[in-house]
Amino acid sequence: MGYVFIYLAAVLIFLGIDAVWLKTMTGLFYEKRIGHLLADEPNMIAAGVFYMFYLLALCVLILYPQIKAGALRLVIYSCLVA
């Protein structure tokens, strides 16, 4: 598997899960607890930069070494935990 494919797969999975979480939990969880800290409009550029670096670190530190070692089952568990 190529590094770019793994990175893009991680991006799609992460953003999919995160989008569902934020759409469902913003009103139910965040507004009640930290609503006074939330911005009126989210800074999507800052969020995008954070996600890209976060996922790059996830791939470099967890996914790539495990795939190189042939530990596919451990890669799947690492994805579920991260």
N, C-alpha and C. Protein backbone atom coordinates (compact mmCIF):
# COMPACT_ATOMS: atom_id res chain seq x y z
N MET A 1 0.84 -1.18 0.00
CA MET A 1 0.00 0.00 0.00
C MET A 1 0.88 1.24 0.00
N GLY A 2 0.48 2.22 -0.77
CA GLY A 2 1.24 3.45 -0.81
C GLY A 2 0.91 4.36 0.36
N TYR A 3 1.88 5.17 0.71
CA TYR A 3 1.69 6.09 1.83
C TYR A 3 0.56 7.08 1.57
N VAL A 4 0.45 7.54 0.33
CA VAL A 4 -0.59 8.51 0.00
C VAL A 4 -1.97 7.87 0.15
N PHE A 5 -2.11 6.62 -0.29
CA PHE A 5 -3.39 5.92 -0.16
C PHE A 5 -3.78 5.78 1.31
N ILE A 6 -2.84 5.39 2.15
CA ILE A 6 -3.11 5.22 3.58
C ILE A 6 -3.51 6.55 4.20
N TYR A 7 -2.80 7.61 3.85
CA TYR A 7 -3.11 8.93 4.38
C TYR A 7 -4.51 9.38 3.96
N LEU A 8 -4.83 9.21 2.67
CA LEU A 8 -6.15 9.63 2.19
C LEU A 8 -7.26 8.79 2.81
N ALA A 9 -7.02 7.50 2.99
CA ALA A 9 -8.01 6.66 3.65
C ALA A 9 -8.23 7.12 5.09
N ALA A 10 -7.14 7.46 5.79
CA ALA A 10 -7.27 7.96 7.16
C ALA A 10 -8.02 9.28 7.20
N VAL A 11 -7.76 10.15 6.23
CA VAL A 11 -8.46 11.44 6.16
C VAL A 11 -9.96 11.21 5.96
N LEU A 12 -10.32 10.36 5.02
CA LEU A 12 -11.74 10.11 4.75
C LEU A 12 -12.45 9.50 5.95
N ILE A 13 -11.83 8.52 6.58
CA ILE A 13 -12.45 7.88 7.73
C ILE A 13 -12.57 8.86 8.89
N PHE A 14 -11.50 9.58 9.18
CA PHE A 14 -11.49 10.52 10.30
C PHE A 14 -12.51 11.63 10.10
N LEU A 15 -12.52 12.23 8.91
CA LEU A 15 -13.44 13.33 8.66
C LEU A 15 -14.89 12.86 8.65
N GLY A 16 -15.13 11.65 8.17
CA GLY A 16 -16.48 11.10 8.19
C GLY A 16 -16.99 10.93 9.61
N ILE A 17 -16.18 10.30 10.45
CA ILE A 17 -16.57 10.09 11.85
C ILE A 17 -16.70 11.42 12.58
N ASP A 18 -15.76 12.32 12.34
CA ASP A 18 -15.78 13.61 13.02
C ASP A 18 -16.98 14.46 12.59
N ALA A 19 -17.32 14.40 11.31
CA ALA A 19 -18.47 15.17 10.83
C ALA A 19 -19.76 14.68 11.49
N VAL A 20 -19.92 13.37 11.58
CA VAL A 20 -21.11 12.82 12.24
C VAL A 20 -21.13 13.23 13.71
N TRP A 21 -19.99 13.13 14.38
CA TRP A 21 -19.91 13.50 15.80
C TRP A 21 -20.28 14.96 16.00
N LEU A 22 -19.67 15.84 15.23
CA LEU A 22 -19.92 17.27 15.42
C LEU A 22 -21.34 17.66 15.06
N LYS A 23 -21.90 17.05 14.02
CA LYS A 23 -23.28 17.37 13.64
C LYS A 23 -24.28 16.94 14.72
N THR A 24 -24.02 15.81 15.35
CA THR A 24 -24.98 15.30 16.31
C THR A 24 -24.74 15.81 17.73
N MET A 25 -23.51 16.09 18.09
CA MET A 25 -23.20 16.41 19.48
C MET A 25 -23.00 17.88 19.78
N THR A 26 -22.91 18.72 18.78
CA THR A 26 -22.68 20.14 19.05
C THR A 26 -23.80 20.71 19.91
N GLY A 27 -25.02 20.49 19.50
CA GLY A 27 -26.16 21.03 20.27
C GLY A 27 -26.41 20.28 21.56
N LEU A 28 -26.22 18.97 21.54
CA LEU A 28 -26.53 18.15 22.71
C LEU A 28 -25.47 18.22 23.80
N PHE A 29 -24.23 18.31 23.41
CA PHE A 29 -23.15 18.20 24.37
C PHE A 29 -22.37 19.50 24.55
N TYR A 30 -21.86 20.04 23.45
CA TYR A 30 -20.96 21.20 23.55
C TYR A 30 -21.67 22.48 23.93
N GLU A 31 -22.83 22.74 23.35
CA GLU A 31 -23.55 23.99 23.64
C GLU A 31 -23.87 24.13 25.12
N LYS A 32 -24.30 23.05 25.74
CA LYS A 32 -24.68 23.10 27.14
C LYS A 32 -23.50 23.29 28.06
N ARG A 33 -22.37 22.71 27.71
CA ARG A 33 -21.22 22.70 28.61
C ARG A 33 -20.23 23.84 28.35
N ILE A 34 -19.93 24.09 27.08
CA ILE A 34 -18.92 25.11 26.76
C ILE A 34 -19.43 26.08 25.71
N GLY A 35 -20.72 26.30 25.67
CA GLY A 35 -21.31 27.18 24.67
C GLY A 35 -20.74 28.59 24.69
N HIS A 36 -20.40 29.07 25.86
CA HIS A 36 -19.84 30.43 25.97
C HIS A 36 -18.43 30.52 25.39
N LEU A 37 -17.76 29.39 25.20
CA LEU A 37 -16.41 29.39 24.62
C LEU A 37 -16.40 29.19 23.11
N LEU A 38 -17.50 28.74 22.56
CA LEU A 38 -17.56 28.45 21.13
C LEU A 38 -17.65 29.74 20.32
N ALA A 39 -16.97 29.74 19.19
CA ALA A 39 -17.04 30.89 18.28
C ALA A 39 -18.36 30.86 17.52
N ASP A 40 -18.79 32.03 17.07
CA ASP A 40 -20.02 32.09 16.27
C ASP A 40 -19.86 31.33 14.96
N GLU A 41 -18.72 31.49 14.33
CA GLU A 41 -18.39 30.80 13.09
C GLU A 41 -17.09 30.02 13.31
N PRO A 42 -17.07 28.72 13.03
CA PRO A 42 -15.83 27.97 13.21
C PRO A 42 -14.78 28.39 12.19
N ASN A 43 -13.52 28.38 12.60
CA ASN A 43 -12.41 28.71 11.73
C ASN A 43 -12.02 27.44 10.97
N MET A 44 -12.56 27.29 9.76
CA MET A 44 -12.37 26.07 9.00
C MET A 44 -10.93 25.90 8.50
N ILE A 45 -10.23 26.99 8.26
CA ILE A 45 -8.84 26.89 7.83
C ILE A 45 -7.98 26.33 8.96
N ALA A 46 -8.16 26.85 10.15
CA ALA A 46 -7.40 26.35 11.30
C ALA A 46 -7.75 24.89 11.58
N ALA A 47 -9.03 24.54 11.46
CA ALA A 47 -9.45 23.15 11.68
C ALA A 47 -8.84 22.23 10.63
N GLY A 48 -8.84 22.66 9.39
CA GLY A 48 -8.26 21.86 8.31
C GLY A 48 -6.76 21.63 8.49
N VAL A 49 -6.05 22.68 8.86
CA VAL A 49 -4.61 22.55 9.09
C VAL A 49 -4.34 21.62 10.26
N PHE A 50 -5.10 21.77 11.33
CA PHE A 50 -4.95 20.87 12.48
C PHE A 50 -5.19 19.42 12.09
N TYR A 51 -6.29 19.15 11.38
CA TYR A 51 -6.61 17.78 11.00
C TYR A 51 -5.54 17.18 10.11
N MET A 52 -5.02 17.95 9.16
CA MET A 52 -4.00 17.41 8.25
C MET A 52 -2.73 17.04 9.01
N PHE A 53 -2.29 17.89 9.94
CA PHE A 53 -1.10 17.57 10.73
C PHE A 53 -1.37 16.44 11.72
N TYR A 54 -2.55 16.43 12.32
CA TYR A 54 -2.91 15.37 13.26
C TYR A 54 -2.90 14.01 12.56
N LEU A 55 -3.51 13.97 11.38
CA LEU A 55 -3.56 12.71 10.65
C LEU A 55 -2.20 12.30 10.09
N LEU A 56 -1.38 13.27 9.74
CA LEU A 56 -0.02 12.94 9.31
C LEU A 56 0.75 12.31 10.47
N ALA A 57 0.62 12.87 11.66
CA ALA A 57 1.29 12.29 12.83
C ALA A 57 0.73 10.90 13.13
N LEU A 58 -0.58 10.73 13.00
CA LEU A 58 -1.21 9.42 13.21
C LEU A 58 -0.63 8.39 12.24
N CYS A 59 -0.52 8.77 10.99
CA CYS A 59 0.02 7.85 9.98
C CYS A 59 1.50 7.55 10.23
N VAL A 60 2.29 8.56 10.49
CA VAL A 60 3.73 8.37 10.65
C VAL A 60 4.06 7.59 11.92
N LEU A 61 3.37 7.89 13.01
CA LEU A 61 3.70 7.26 14.29
C LEU A 61 3.00 5.93 14.52
N ILE A 62 1.83 5.71 13.92
CA ILE A 62 1.07 4.50 14.22
C ILE A 62 0.88 3.62 12.98
N LEU A 63 0.28 4.16 11.95
CA LEU A 63 -0.13 3.32 10.84
C LEU A 63 1.03 2.79 10.00
N TYR A 64 1.92 3.67 9.52
CA TYR A 64 3.00 3.24 8.65
C TYR A 64 3.90 2.19 9.30
N PRO A 65 4.36 2.39 10.53
CA PRO A 65 5.22 1.36 11.14
C PRO A 65 4.51 0.02 11.30
N GLN A 66 3.23 0.04 11.63
CA GLN A 66 2.51 -1.21 11.81
C GLN A 66 2.28 -1.93 10.49
N ILE A 67 1.98 -1.19 9.46
CA ILE A 67 1.80 -1.80 8.14
C ILE A 67 3.13 -2.37 7.64
N LYS A 68 4.22 -1.63 7.86
CA LYS A 68 5.54 -2.10 7.44
C LYS A 68 5.92 -3.39 8.18
N ALA A 69 5.51 -3.49 9.44
CA ALA A 69 5.82 -4.69 10.23
C ALA A 69 4.87 -5.84 9.90
N GLY A 70 3.85 -5.58 9.10
CA GLY A 70 2.91 -6.62 8.73
C GLY A 70 1.86 -6.92 9.78
N ALA A 71 1.63 -6.01 10.66
CA ALA A 71 0.67 -6.21 11.74
C ALA A 71 -0.66 -5.57 11.38
N LEU A 72 -1.35 -6.14 10.38
CA LEU A 72 -2.58 -5.54 9.89
C LEU A 72 -3.66 -5.51 10.97
N ARG A 73 -3.76 -6.54 11.78
CA ARG A 73 -4.77 -6.55 12.84
C ARG A 73 -4.50 -5.42 13.84
N LEU A 74 -3.24 -5.19 14.17
CA LEU A 74 -2.90 -4.13 15.09
C LEU A 74 -3.19 -2.75 14.48
N VAL A 75 -3.02 -2.63 13.16
CA VAL A 75 -3.36 -1.38 12.48
C VAL A 75 -4.85 -1.09 12.63
N ILE A 76 -5.67 -2.10 12.46
CA ILE A 76 -7.11 -1.90 12.58
C ILE A 76 -7.47 -1.50 14.01
N TYR A 77 -6.88 -2.17 15.01
CA TYR A 77 -7.14 -1.79 16.40
C TYR A 77 -6.65 -0.38 16.69
N SER A 78 -5.50 -0.01 16.12
CA SER A 78 -4.97 1.34 16.34
C SER A 78 -5.91 2.39 15.75
N CYS A 79 -6.49 2.09 14.61
CA CYS A 79 -7.43 3.03 13.99
C CYS A 79 -8.68 3.19 14.85
N LEU A 80 -9.13 2.11 15.44
CA LEU A 80 -10.32 2.19 16.28
C LEU A 80 -10.07 2.97 17.56
N VAL A 81 -8.88 2.85 18.11
CA VAL A 81 -8.54 3.54 19.36
C VAL A 81 -8.26 5.01 19.10
N ALA A 82 -7.55 5.34 18.04
CA ALA A 82 -7.19 6.73 17.74
C ALA A 82 -8.41 7.45 17.32
